[in-house]
Amino acid sequence: MPLAPQAGYGRAAAPAASPRGASEAVPVFAALAREWRAQGRAVPGARDPEWDVLVRRPVWPRR
């Protein structure tokens, strides 16, 4: 039995995606990353200062 998505009851099979090279997608993701950075949002693969502060805190606060 193949481990691939199959059309189920009452559903049509999804059309196959057209093959694209990774180089075609890079400008789209680069533009999106620039936009997110400009908005102050987290960007995958970039350091997140807020996360760094959170993980540096001790698990149990000192009394």
Protein backbone atom coordinates (compact mmCIF):
# COMPACT_ATOMS: atom_id res chain seq x y z
CA MET A 1 0.00 0.00 0.00
CA PRO A 2 1.56 3.34 -1.01
CA LEU A 3 2.01 6.04 1.62
CA ALA A 4 0.72 8.86 -0.53
CA PRO A 5 -2.42 10.98 -0.23
CA GLN A 6 -5.33 9.35 -2.00
CA ALA A 7 -8.67 10.78 -3.07
CA GLY A 8 -11.33 9.81 -0.55
CA TYR A 9 -15.05 9.24 -0.85
CA GLY A 10 -16.70 12.28 -2.43
CA ARG A 11 -13.41 14.08 -3.00
CA ALA A 12 -11.55 14.53 -6.23
CA ALA A 13 -7.84 13.99 -6.41
CA ALA A 14 -5.82 17.19 -6.12
CA PRO A 15 -4.04 18.24 -9.29
CA ALA A 16 -0.33 17.55 -9.29
CA ALA A 17 1.86 20.54 -8.51
CA SER A 18 3.99 21.78 -11.34
CA PRO A 19 7.66 21.20 -10.66
CA ARG A 20 9.55 24.39 -9.89
CA GLY A 21 13.15 25.00 -9.11
CA ALA A 22 14.02 26.28 -5.66
CA SER A 23 15.63 29.32 -7.27
CA GLU A 24 12.21 30.55 -8.45
CA ALA A 25 10.87 30.62 -4.89
CA VAL A 26 13.83 32.44 -3.32
CA PRO A 27 12.84 35.99 -4.38
CA VAL A 28 9.34 35.49 -2.98
CA PHE A 29 10.65 34.32 0.39
CA ALA A 30 13.37 37.00 0.48
CA ALA A 31 10.78 39.71 -0.13
CA LEU A 32 8.51 38.23 2.54
CA ALA A 33 11.39 38.08 5.04
CA ARG A 34 12.25 41.75 4.34
CA GLU A 35 8.61 42.72 4.88
CA TRP A 36 8.40 40.79 8.15
CA ARG A 37 11.67 42.33 9.43
CA ALA A 38 10.36 45.81 8.61
CA GLN A 39 7.23 45.04 10.66
CA GLY A 40 9.30 43.74 13.59
CA ARG A 41 8.04 40.18 13.16
CA ALA A 42 10.01 36.97 13.70
CA VAL A 43 11.70 35.61 10.58
CA PRO A 44 12.64 31.92 10.28
CA GLY A 45 16.39 31.46 10.46
CA ALA A 46 17.01 34.86 12.08
CA ARG A 47 17.75 35.45 15.76
CA ASP A 48 14.75 36.58 17.79
CA PRO A 49 15.83 38.88 20.66
CA GLU A 50 12.53 38.43 22.51
CA TRP A 51 12.92 34.65 22.47
CA ASP A 52 16.53 34.95 23.66
CA VAL A 53 15.36 36.98 26.69
CA LEU A 54 12.62 34.47 27.50
CA VAL A 55 14.87 31.40 27.39
CA ARG A 56 17.59 33.08 29.48
CA ARG A 57 15.22 33.42 32.44
CA PRO A 58 15.41 30.76 35.15
CA VAL A 59 12.62 28.20 35.14
CA TRP A 60 11.88 28.77 38.84
CA PRO A 61 12.19 32.33 40.10
CA ARG A 62 14.44 32.87 43.11
CA ARG A 63 12.79 33.78 46.38
